[in-house]
PDB file of N, CA and C in Angstrom:
ATOM      1  N   UNK A   1     134.653  71.899  92.983  1.00  0.00           N
ATOM      2  CA  UNK A   1     133.420  71.345  92.431  1.00  0.00           C
ATOM      3  C   UNK A   1     132.248  71.747  93.326  1.00  0.00           C
ATOM      4  N   UNK A   2     131.201  72.207  92.712  1.00  0.00           N
ATOM      5  CA  UNK A   2     130.021  72.636  93.463  1.00  0.00           C
ATOM      6  C   UNK A   2     129.271  71.436  94.028  1.00  0.00           C
ATOM      7  N   UNK A   3     128.508  71.704  95.066  1.00  0.00           N
ATOM      8  CA  UNK A   3     127.657  70.669  95.658  1.00  0.00           C
ATOM      9  C   UNK A   3     126.530  70.367  94.677  1.00  0.00           C
ATOM     10  N   UNK A   4     126.265  69.090  94.459  1.00  0.00           N
ATOM     11  CA  UNK A   4     125.243  68.644  93.525  1.00  0.00           C
ATOM     12  C   UNK A   4     123.923  68.459  94.275  1.00  0.00           C
ATOM     13  N   UNK A   5     122.844  69.003  93.726  1.00  0.00           N
ATOM     14  CA  UNK A   5     121.523  68.751  94.297  1.00  0.00           C
ATOM     15  C   UNK A   5     121.090  67.368  93.823  1.00  0.00           C
ATOM     16  N   UNK A   6     120.940  66.449  94.769  1.00  0.00           N
ATOM     17  CA  UNK A   6     120.596  65.067  94.437  1.00  0.00           C
ATOM     18  C   UNK A   6     119.084  64.888  94.546  1.00  0.00           C
ATOM     19  N   UNK A   7     118.498  64.327  93.491  1.00  0.00           N
ATOM     20  CA  UNK A   7     117.058  64.060  93.454  1.00  0.00           C
ATOM     21  C   UNK A   7     116.836  62.637  92.940  1.00  0.00           C
ATOM     22  N   UNK A   8     115.610  62.195  92.990  1.00  0.00           N
ATOM     23  CA  UNK A   8     115.287  60.874  92.461  1.00  0.00           C
ATOM     24  C   UNK A   8     115.612  60.815  90.962  1.00  0.00           C
ATOM     25  N   UNK A   9     115.499  61.944  90.283  1.00  0.00           N
ATOM     26  CA  UNK A   9     115.738  61.985  88.841  1.00  0.00           C
ATOM     27  C   UNK A   9     117.206  61.825  88.467  1.00  0.00           C
ATOM     28  N   UNK A  10     118.122  62.310  89.321  1.00  0.00           N
ATOM     29  CA  UNK A  10     119.537  62.223  88.961  1.00  0.00           C
ATOM     30  C   UNK A  10     120.338  61.296  89.874  1.00  0.00           C
ATOM     31  N   UNK A  11     119.692  60.633  90.823  1.00  0.00           N
ATOM     32  CA  UNK A  11     120.387  59.780  91.796  1.00  0.00           C
ATOM     33  C   UNK A  11     121.207  58.685  91.110  1.00  0.00           C
ATOM     34  N   UNK A  12     120.613  58.044  90.135  1.00  0.00           N
ATOM     35  CA  UNK A  12     121.294  56.958  89.423  1.00  0.00           C
ATOM     36  C   UNK A  12     122.584  57.461  88.765  1.00  0.00           C
ATOM     37  N   UNK A  13     122.489  58.568  88.066  1.00  0.00           N
ATOM     38  CA  UNK A  13     123.637  59.118  87.349  1.00  0.00           C
ATOM     39  C   UNK A  13     124.672  59.730  88.285  1.00  0.00           C
ATOM     40  N   UNK A  14     124.223  60.583  89.205  1.00  0.00           N
ATOM     41  CA  UNK A  14     125.147  61.338  90.057  1.00  0.00           C
ATOM     42  C   UNK A  14     125.775  60.500  91.165  1.00  0.00           C
ATOM     43  N   UNK A  15     125.035  59.515  91.681  1.00  0.00           N
ATOM     44  CA  UNK A  15     125.522  58.755  92.835  1.00  0.00           C
ATOM     45  C   UNK A  15     125.880  57.320  92.460  1.00  0.00           C
ATOM     46  N   UNK A  16     124.918  56.579  91.969  1.00  0.00           N
ATOM     47  CA  UNK A  16     125.123  55.150  91.740  1.00  0.00           C
ATOM     48  C   UNK A  16     126.151  54.862  90.651  1.00  0.00           C
ATOM     49  N   UNK A  17     126.191  55.680  89.611  1.00  0.00           N
ATOM     50  CA  UNK A  17     127.120  55.438  88.497  1.00  0.00           C
ATOM     51  C   UNK A  17     128.326  56.369  88.510  1.00  0.00           C
ATOM     52  N   UNK A  18     128.539  57.073  89.601  1.00  0.00           N
ATOM     53  CA  UNK A  18     129.667  57.998  89.694  1.00  0.00           C
ATOM     54  C   UNK A  18     130.977  57.223  89.676  1.00  0.00           C
ATOM     55  N   UNK A  19     131.952  57.766  88.951  1.00  0.00           N
ATOM     56  CA  UNK A  19     133.258  57.124  88.868  1.00  0.00           C
ATOM     57  C   UNK A  19     134.119  57.423  90.093  1.00  0.00           C
ATOM     58  N   UNK A  20     133.714  58.425  90.881  1.00  0.00           N
ATOM     59  CA  UNK A  20     134.418  58.742  92.121  1.00  0.00           C
ATOM     60  C   UNK A  20     133.436  58.592  93.285  1.00  0.00           C
ATOM     61  N   UNK A  21     133.941  58.404  94.513  1.00  0.00           N
ATOM     62  CA  UNK A  21     133.034  58.290  95.665  1.00  0.00           C
ATOM     63  C   UNK A  21     132.149  59.536  95.801  1.00  0.00           C
ATOM     64  N   UNK A  22     130.979  59.350  96.388  1.00  0.00           N
ATOM     65  CA  UNK A  22     130.015  60.438  96.556  1.00  0.00           C
ATOM     66  C   UNK A  22     129.598  60.513  98.029  1.00  0.00           C
ATOM     67  N   UNK A  23     129.731  61.697  98.610  1.00  0.00           N
ATOM     68  CA  UNK A  23     129.248  61.946  99.963  1.00  0.00           C
ATOM     69  C   UNK A  23     127.919  62.677  99.838  1.00  0.00           C
ATOM     70  N   UNK A  24     126.838  62.059 100.328  1.00  0.00           N
ATOM     71  CA  UNK A  24     125.509  62.666 100.229  1.00  0.00           C
ATOM     72  C   UNK A  24     125.056  63.110 101.618  1.00  0.00           C
ATOM     73  N   UNK A  25     124.671  64.373 101.702  1.00  0.00           N
ATOM     74  CA  UNK A  25     124.134  64.971 102.921  1.00  0.00           C
ATOM     75  C   UNK A  25     122.613  64.921 102.827  1.00  0.00           C
ATOM     76  N   UNK A  26     122.002  64.071 103.647  1.00  0.00           N
ATOM     77  CA  UNK A  26     120.533  64.006 103.743  1.00  0.00           C
ATOM     78  C   UNK A  26     120.118  65.071 104.746  1.00  0.00           C
ATOM     79  N   UNK A  27     119.286  66.014 104.329  1.00  0.00           N
ATOM     80  CA  UNK A  27     118.973  67.176 105.158  1.00  0.00           C
ATOM     81  C   UNK A  27     117.542  67.654 104.919  1.00  0.00           C
ATOM     82  N   UNK A  28     117.120  68.667 105.699  1.00  0.00           N
ATOM     83  CA  UNK A  28     115.832  69.337 105.496  1.00  0.00           C
ATOM     84  C   UNK A  28     115.990  70.801 105.896  1.00  0.00           C
ATOM     85  N   UNK A  29     115.203  71.664 105.278  1.00  0.00           N
ATOM     86  CA  UNK A  29     115.292  73.111 105.533  1.00  0.00           C
ATOM     87  C   UNK A  29     114.981  73.473 106.976  1.00  0.00           C
ATOM     88  N   UNK A  30     114.059  72.771 107.620  1.00  0.00           N
ATOM     89  CA  UNK A  30     113.618  73.106 108.976  1.00  0.00           C
ATOM     90  C   UNK A  30     114.585  72.612 110.055  1.00  0.00           C
ATOM     91  N   UNK A  31     115.574  71.837 109.673  1.00  0.00           N
ATOM     92  CA  UNK A  31     116.497  71.186 110.604  1.00  0.00           C
ATOM     93  C   UNK A  31     117.683  72.119 110.917  1.00  0.00           C
ATOM     94  N   UNK A  32     117.753  72.597 112.175  1.00  0.00           N
ATOM     95  CA  UNK A  32     118.812  73.529 112.567  1.00  0.00           C
ATOM     96  C   UNK A  32     120.209  72.910 112.430  1.00  0.00           C
ATOM     97  N   UNK A  33     120.449  71.674 112.906  1.00  0.00           N
ATOM     98  CA  UNK A  33     121.778  71.093 112.688  1.00  0.00           C
ATOM     99  C   UNK A  33     122.116  70.954 111.200  1.00  0.00           C
ATOM    100  N   UNK A  34     121.102  70.722 110.371  1.00  0.00           N
ATOM    101  CA  UNK A  34     121.322  70.630 108.915  1.00  0.00           C
ATOM    102  C   UNK A  34     121.788  71.980 108.371  1.00  0.00           C
ATOM    103  N   UNK A  35     121.194  73.062 108.871  1.00  0.00           N
ATOM    104  CA  UNK A  35     121.593  74.394 108.433  1.00  0.00           C
ATOM    105  C   UNK A  35     123.035  74.674 108.847  1.00  0.00           C
ATOM    106  N   UNK A  36     123.441  74.190 110.017  1.00  0.00           N
ATOM    107  CA  UNK A  36     124.821  74.344 110.476  1.00  0.00           C
ATOM    108  C   UNK A  36     125.765  73.496 109.618  1.00  0.00           C
ATOM    109  N   UNK A  37     125.285  72.341 109.177  1.00  0.00           N
ATOM    110  CA  UNK A  37     126.103  71.408 108.385  1.00  0.00           C
ATOM    111  C   UNK A  37     126.356  71.946 106.973  1.00  0.00           C
ATOM    112  N   UNK A  38     125.418  72.717 106.442  1.00  0.00           N
ATOM    113  CA  UNK A  38     125.500  73.206 105.064  1.00  0.00           C
ATOM    114  C   UNK A  38     126.825  73.845 104.679  1.00  0.00           C
ATOM    115  N   UNK A  39     127.308  74.860 105.435  1.00  0.00           N
ATOM    116  CA  UNK A  39     128.579  75.498 105.075  1.00  0.00           C
ATOM    117  C   UNK A  39     129.769  74.532 105.136  1.00  0.00           C
ATOM    118  N   UNK A  40     129.716  73.560 106.041  1.00  0.00           N
ATOM    119  CA  UNK A  40     130.795  72.574 106.155  1.00  0.00           C
ATOM    120  C   UNK A  40     130.780  71.666 104.919  1.00  0.00           C
ATOM    121  N   UNK A  41     129.596  71.314 104.455  1.00  0.00           N
ATOM    122  CA  UNK A  41     129.454  70.505 103.239  1.00  0.00           C
ATOM    123  C   UNK A  41     130.038  71.269 102.049  1.00  0.00           C
ATOM    124  N   UNK A  42     129.769  72.579 101.989  1.00  0.00           N
ATOM    125  CA  UNK A  42     130.330  73.398 100.913  1.00  0.00           C
ATOM    126  C   UNK A  42     131.858  73.386 100.961  1.00  0.00           C
ATOM    127  N   UNK A  43     132.428  73.489 102.164  1.00  0.00           N
ATOM    128  CA  UNK A  43     133.886  73.453 102.331  1.00  0.00           C
ATOM    129  C   UNK A  43     134.442  72.106 101.877  1.00  0.00           C
ATOM    130  N   UNK A  44     133.754  71.031 102.251  1.00  0.00           N
ATOM    131  CA  UNK A  44     134.207  69.690 101.865  1.00  0.00           C
ATOM    132  C   UNK A  44     134.192  69.537 100.350  1.00  0.00           C
ATOM    133  N   UNK A  45     133.149  70.052  99.708  1.00  0.00           N
ATOM    134  CA  UNK A  45     133.057  69.964  98.245  1.00  0.00           C
ATOM    135  C   UNK A  45     134.228  70.672  97.596  1.00  0.00           C
ATOM    136  N   UNK A  46     134.609  71.817  98.149  1.00  0.00           N
ATOM    137  CA  UNK A  46     135.729  72.576  97.603  1.00  0.00           C
ATOM    138  C   UNK A  46     137.054  71.852  97.858  1.00  0.00           C
ATOM    139  N   UNK A  47     137.243  71.377  99.090  1.00  0.00           N
ATOM    140  CA  UNK A  47     138.500  70.728  99.460  1.00  0.00           C
ATOM    141  C   UNK A  47     138.747  69.433  98.691  1.00  0.00           C
ATOM    142  N   UNK A  48     137.693  68.660  98.466  1.00  0.00           N
ATOM    143  CA  UNK A  48     137.846  67.345  97.840  1.00  0.00           C
ATOM    144  C   UNK A  48     137.455  67.333  96.369  1.00  0.00           C
ATOM    145  N   UNK A  49     137.366  68.505  95.767  1.00  0.00           N
ATOM    146  CA  UNK A  49     136.983  68.621  94.364  1.00  0.00           C
ATOM    147  C   UNK A  49     137.840  67.714  93.487  1.00  0.00           C
ATOM    148  N   UNK A  50     137.169  66.901  92.667  1.00  0.00           N
ATOM    149  CA  UNK A  50     137.863  65.981  91.777  1.00  0.00           C
ATOM    150  C   UNK A  50     138.146  64.627  92.391  1.00  0.00           C
ATOM    151  N   UNK A  51     138.142  64.543  93.726  1.00  0.00           N
ATOM    152  CA  UNK A  51     138.402  63.273  94.420  1.00  0.00           C
ATOM    153  C   UNK A  51     137.109  62.644  94.927  1.00  0.00           C
ATOM    154  N   UNK A  52     136.232  63.513  95.414  1.00  0.00           N
ATOM    155  CA  UNK A  52     134.946  63.083  95.980  1.00  0.00           C
ATOM    156  C   UNK A  52     133.876  64.015  95.430  1.00  0.00           C
ATOM    157  N   UNK A  53     132.753  63.456  95.033  1.00  0.00           N
ATOM    158  CA  UNK A  53     131.602  64.278  94.655  1.00  0.00           C
ATOM    159  C   UNK A  53     130.778  64.488  95.922  1.00  0.00           C
ATOM    160  N   UNK A  54     130.287  65.694  96.133  1.00  0.00           N
ATOM    161  CA  UNK A  54     129.487  65.992  97.311  1.00  0.00           C
ATOM    162  C   UNK A  54     128.096  66.416  96.859  1.00  0.00           C
ATOM    163  N   UNK A  55     127.075  65.787  97.453  1.00  0.00           N
ATOM    164  CA  UNK A  55     125.700  66.101  97.095  1.00  0.00           C
ATOM    165  C   UNK A  55     124.837  66.345  98.310  1.00  0.00           C
ATOM    166  N   UNK A  56     123.730  67.032  98.087  1.00  0.00           N
ATOM    167  CA  UNK A  56     122.746  67.277  99.150  1.00  0.00           C
ATOM    168  C   UNK A  56     121.398  66.743  98.668  1.00  0.00           C
ATOM    169  N   UNK A  57     120.726  66.009  99.552  1.00  0.00           N
ATOM    170  CA  UNK A  57     119.430  65.430  99.225  1.00  0.00           C
ATOM    171  C   UNK A  57     118.425  65.891 100.273  1.00  0.00           C
ATOM    172  N   UNK A  58     117.424  66.635  99.845  1.00  0.00           N
ATOM    173  CA  UNK A  58     116.390  67.142 100.745  1.00  0.00           C
ATOM    174  C   UNK A  58     115.398  66.017 101.039  1.00  0.00           C
ATOM    175  N   UNK A  59     115.345  65.579 102.297  1.00  0.00           N
ATOM    176  CA  UNK A  59     114.512  64.429 102.655  1.00  0.00           C
ATOM    177  C   UNK A  59     113.021  64.726 102.540  1.00  0.00           C
ATOM    178  N   UNK A  60     112.640  65.994 102.651  1.00  0.00           N
ATOM    179  CA  UNK A  60     111.222  66.338 102.501  1.00  0.00           C
ATOM    180  C   UNK A  60     110.780  66.220 101.049  1.00  0.00           C
ATOM    181  N   UNK A  61     111.676  66.491 100.123  1.00  0.00           N
ATOM    182  CA  UNK A  61     111.354  66.425  98.699  1.00  0.00           C
ATOM    183  C   UNK A  61     111.608  65.039  98.115  1.00  0.00           C
ATOM    184  N   UNK A  62     112.515  64.288  98.742  1.00  0.00           N
ATOM    185  CA  UNK A  62     112.923  62.980  98.209  1.00  0.00           C
ATOM    186  C   UNK A  62     112.758  61.891  99.276  1.00  0.00           C
ATOM    187  N   UNK A  63     111.553  61.799  99.825  1.00  0.00           N
ATOM    188  CA  UNK A  63     111.276  60.874 100.916  1.00  0.00           C
ATOM    189  C   UNK A  63     111.550  59.414 100.602  1.00  0.00           C
ATOM    190  N   UNK A  64     111.294  58.998  99.375  1.00  0.00           N
ATOM    191  CA  UNK A  64     111.508  57.590  99.011  1.00  0.00           C
ATOM    192  C   UNK A  64     112.984  57.223  99.095  1.00  0.00           C
ATOM    193  N   UNK A  65     113.863  58.115  98.642  1.00  0.00           N
ATOM    194  CA  UNK A  65     115.294  57.844  98.724  1.00  0.00           C
ATOM    195  C   UNK A  65     115.770  57.846 100.177  1.00  0.00           C
ATOM    196  N   UNK A  66     115.259  58.783 100.954  1.00  0.00           N
ATOM    197  CA  UNK A  66     115.617  58.835 102.376  1.00  0.00           C
ATOM    198  C   UNK A  66     115.205  57.536 103.067  1.00  0.00           C
ATOM    199  N   UNK A  67     114.023  57.059 102.765  1.00  0.00           N
ATOM    200  CA  UNK A  67     113.532  55.810 103.350  1.00  0.00           C
ATOM    201  C   UNK A  67     114.378  54.623 102.891  1.00  0.00           C
ATOM    202  N   UNK A  68     114.725  54.596 101.625  1.00  0.00           N
ATOM    203  CA  UNK A  68     115.521  53.494 101.072  1.00  0.00           C
ATOM    204  C   UNK A  68     116.851  53.344 101.801  1.00  0.00           C
ATOM    205  N   UNK A  69     117.440  54.471 102.204  1.00  0.00           N
ATOM    206  CA  UNK A  69     118.745  54.427 102.873  1.00  0.00           C
ATOM    207  C   UNK A  69     118.643  54.546 104.395  1.00  0.00           C
ATOM    208  N   UNK A  70     117.452  54.330 104.921  1.00  0.00           N
ATOM    209  CA  UNK A  70     117.258  54.229 106.366  1.00  0.00           C
ATOM    210  C   UNK A  70     117.490  55.512 107.129  1.00  0.00           C
ATOM    211  N   UNK A  71     117.173  56.637 106.519  1.00  0.00           N
ATOM    212  CA  UNK A  71     117.369  57.918 107.191  1.00  0.00           C
ATOM    213  C   UNK A  71     116.273  58.100 108.242  1.00  0.00           C
ATOM    214  N   UNK A  72     116.680  58.058 109.507  1.00  0.00           N
ATOM    215  CA  UNK A  72     115.740  58.241 110.617  1.00  0.00           C
ATOM    216  C   UNK A  72     115.979  59.574 111.320  1.00  0.00           C
ATOM    217  N   UNK A  73     117.217  60.047 111.276  1.00  0.00           N
ATOM    218  CA  UNK A  73     117.611  61.322 111.883  1.00  0.00           C
ATOM    219  C   UNK A  73     118.458  62.079 110.872  1.00  0.00           C
ATOM    220  N   UNK A  74     118.357  63.405 110.943  1.00  0.00           N
ATOM    221  CA  UNK A  74     119.152  64.231 110.032  1.00  0.00           C
ATOM    222  C   UNK A  74     119.860  65.307 110.835  1.00  0.00           C
ATOM    223  N   UNK A  75     120.953  65.847 110.330  1.00  0.00           N
ATOM    224  CA  UNK A  75     121.590  65.483 109.073  1.00  0.00           C
ATOM    225  C   UNK A  75     122.213  64.090 109.142  1.00  0.00           C
ATOM    226  N   UNK A  76     122.245  63.436 108.004  1.00  0.00           N
ATOM    227  CA  UNK A  76     122.896  62.138 107.896  1.00  0.00           C
ATOM    228  C   UNK A  76     123.778  62.165 106.654  1.00  0.00           C
ATOM    229  N   UNK A  77     125.037  61.814 106.848  1.00  0.00           N
ATOM    230  CA  UNK A  77     125.988  61.750 105.745  1.00  0.00           C
ATOM    231  C   UNK A  77     126.165  60.296 105.342  1.00  0.00           C
ATOM    232  N   UNK A  78     126.061  60.034 104.048  1.00  0.00           N
ATOM    233  CA  UNK A  78     126.250  58.679 103.534  1.00  0.00           C
ATOM    234  C   UNK A  78     127.322  58.739 102.447  1.00  0.00           C
ATOM    235  N   UNK A  79     128.332  57.894 102.601  1.00  0.00           N
ATOM    236  CA  UNK A  79     129.396  57.804 101.608  1.00  0.00           C
ATOM    237  C   UNK A  79     129.107  56.618 100.696  1.00  0.00           C
ATOM    238  N   UNK A  80     129.007  56.901  99.399  1.00  0.00           N
ATOM    239  CA  UNK A  80     128.763  55.871  98.391  1.00  0.00           C
ATOM    240  C   UNK A  80     130.049  55.625  97.615  1.00  0.00           C
ATOM    241  N   UNK A  81     130.395  54.357  97.445  1.00  0.00           N
ATOM    242  CA  UNK A  81     131.521  53.974  96.586  1.00  0.00           C
ATOM    243  C   UNK A  81     131.033  52.875  95.659  1.00  0.00           C
ATOM    244  N   UNK A  82     131.252  53.045  94.383  1.00  0.00           N
ATOM    245  CA  UNK A  82     130.826  52.060  93.383  1.00  0.00           C
ATOM    246  C   UNK A  82     129.358  51.689  93.531  1.00  0.00           C
ATOM    247  N   UNK A  83     128.516  52.682  93.811  1.00  0.00           N
ATOM    248  CA  UNK A  83     127.080  52.464  93.888  1.00  0.00           C
ATOM    249  C   UNK A  83     126.586  51.849  95.176  1.00  0.00           C
ATOM    250  N   UNK A  84     127.449  51.722  96.181  1.00  0.00           N
ATOM    251  CA  UNK A  84     127.034  51.141  97.463  1.00  0.00           C
ATOM    252  C   UNK A  84     127.270  52.122  98.595  1.00  0.00           C
ATOM    253  N   UNK A  85     126.319  52.159  99.534  1.00  0.00           N
ATOM    254  CA  UNK A  85     126.477  52.977 100.735  1.00  0.00           C
ATOM    255  C   UNK A  85     127.452  52.250 101.661  1.00  0.00           C
ATOM    256  N   UNK A  86     128.645  52.828 101.852  1.00  0.00           N
ATOM    257  CA  UNK A  86     129.677  52.150 102.629  1.00  0.00           C
ATOM    258  C   UNK A  86     129.845  52.726 104.036  1.00  0.00           C
ATOM    259  N   UNK A  87     129.392  53.971 104.263  1.00  0.00           N
ATOM    260  CA  UNK A  87     129.462  54.580 105.595  1.00  0.00           C
ATOM    261  C   UNK A  87     128.252  55.465 105.795  1.00  0.00           C
ATOM    262  N   UNK A  88     127.717  55.458 107.020  1.00  0.00           N
ATOM    263  CA  UNK A  88     126.611  56.340 107.384  1.00  0.00           C
ATOM    264  C   UNK A  88     126.941  56.988 108.714  1.00  0.00           C
ATOM    265  N   UNK A  89     126.774  58.291 108.787  1.00  0.00           N
ATOM    266  CA  UNK A  89     127.045  59.048 110.008  1.00  0.00           C
ATOM    267  C   UNK A  89     125.894  60.017 110.241  1.00  0.00           C
ATOM    268  N   UNK A  90     125.357  60.026 111.458  1.00  0.00           N
ATOM    269  CA  UNK A  90     124.227  60.890 111.796  1.00  0.00           C
ATOM    270  C   UNK A  90     124.700  62.047 112.676  1.00  0.00           C
ATOM    271  N   UNK A  91     124.118  63.222 112.447  1.00  0.00           N
ATOM    272  CA  UNK A  91     124.421  64.389 113.257  1.00  0.00           C
ATOM    273  C   UNK A  91     125.366  65.347 112.561  1.00  0.00           C
ATOM    274  N   UNK A  92     125.590  66.482 113.221  1.00  0.00           N
ATOM    275  CA  UNK A  92     126.495  67.487 112.683  1.00  0.00           C
ATOM    276  C   UNK A  92     127.922  66.958 112.711  1.00  0.00           C
ATOM    277  N   UNK A  93     128.665  67.224 111.646  1.00  0.00           N
ATOM    278  CA  UNK A  93     130.069  66.815 111.561  1.00  0.00           C
ATOM    279  C   UNK A  93     130.930  67.992 111.112  1.00  0.00           C
ATOM    280  N   UNK A  94     132.046  68.184 111.797  1.00  0.00           N
ATOM    281  CA  UNK A  94     133.005  69.217 111.416  1.00  0.00           C
ATOM    282  C   UNK A  94     133.727  68.772 110.145  1.00  0.00           C
ATOM    283  N   UNK A  95     134.456  69.685 109.542  1.00  0.00           N
ATOM    284  CA  UNK A  95     135.224  69.347 108.346  1.00  0.00           C
ATOM    285  C   UNK A  95     136.252  68.263 108.677  1.00  0.00           C
ATOM    286  N   UNK A  96     136.856  68.356 109.855  1.00  0.00           N
ATOM    287  CA  UNK A  96     137.821  67.338 110.282  1.00  0.00           C
ATOM    288  C   UNK A  96     137.155  65.959 110.368  1.00  0.00           C
ATOM    289  N   UNK A  97     135.947  65.909 110.925  1.00  0.00           N
ATOM    290  CA  UNK A  97     135.215  64.644 111.024  1.00  0.00           C
ATOM    291  C   UNK A  97     134.848  64.127 109.634  1.00  0.00           C
ATOM    292  N   UNK A  98     134.490  65.021 108.725  1.00  0.00           N
ATOM    293  CA  UNK A  98     134.154  64.608 107.366  1.00  0.00           C
ATOM    294  C   UNK A  98     135.388  64.037 106.687  1.00  0.00           C
ATOM    295  N   UNK A  99     136.547  64.630 106.938  1.00  0.00           N
ATOM    296  CA  UNK A  99     137.793  64.076 106.373  1.00  0.00           C
ATOM    297  C   UNK A  99     137.980  62.622 106.803  1.00  0.00           C
ATOM    298  N   UNK A 100     137.674  62.325 108.067  1.00  0.00           N
ATOM    299  CA  UNK A 100     137.861  60.952 108.553  1.00  0.00           C
ATOM    300  C   UNK A 100     136.803  60.009 107.979  1.00  0.00           C
ATOM    301  N   UNK A 101     135.617  60.503 107.680  1.00  0.00           N
ATOM    302  CA  UNK A 101     134.582  59.678 107.049  1.00  0.00           C
ATOM    303  C   UNK A 101     135.034  59.289 105.640  1.00  0.00           C
ATOM    304  N   UNK A 102     135.619  60.237 104.939  1.00  0.00           N
ATOM    305  CA  UNK A 102     136.029  60.035 103.565  1.00  0.00           C
ATOM    306  C   UNK A 102     137.282  59.155 103.480  1.00  0.00           C
ATOM    307  N   UNK A 103     138.151  59.267 104.465  1.00  0.00           N
ATOM    308  CA  UNK A 103     139.442  58.541 104.436  1.00  0.00           C
ATOM    309  C   UNK A 103     139.260  57.041 104.384  1.00  0.00           C
TER     310      UNK A 103
END
């Protein structure tokens, strides 16, 4: 499953009403650790296809959503289950670390 671009327009449908858990990567283009995180997010989306939805939310374009979920540092990974943010992790994470976030 491809990584979903999460925006204010599709947040409700893609994240809040998703039937499977959603891992959202809050990131920005200018953020070097975010650029390093990108390929790992792609790997996670492929590995967990059908079990977990993986999305990316650009904090510069979607500032209100970033603020709503308390994003102070990026990259920040937030795991949503049944429309609730159940885990938040800040900083670069390896695929192994992402597996433990999802578990």
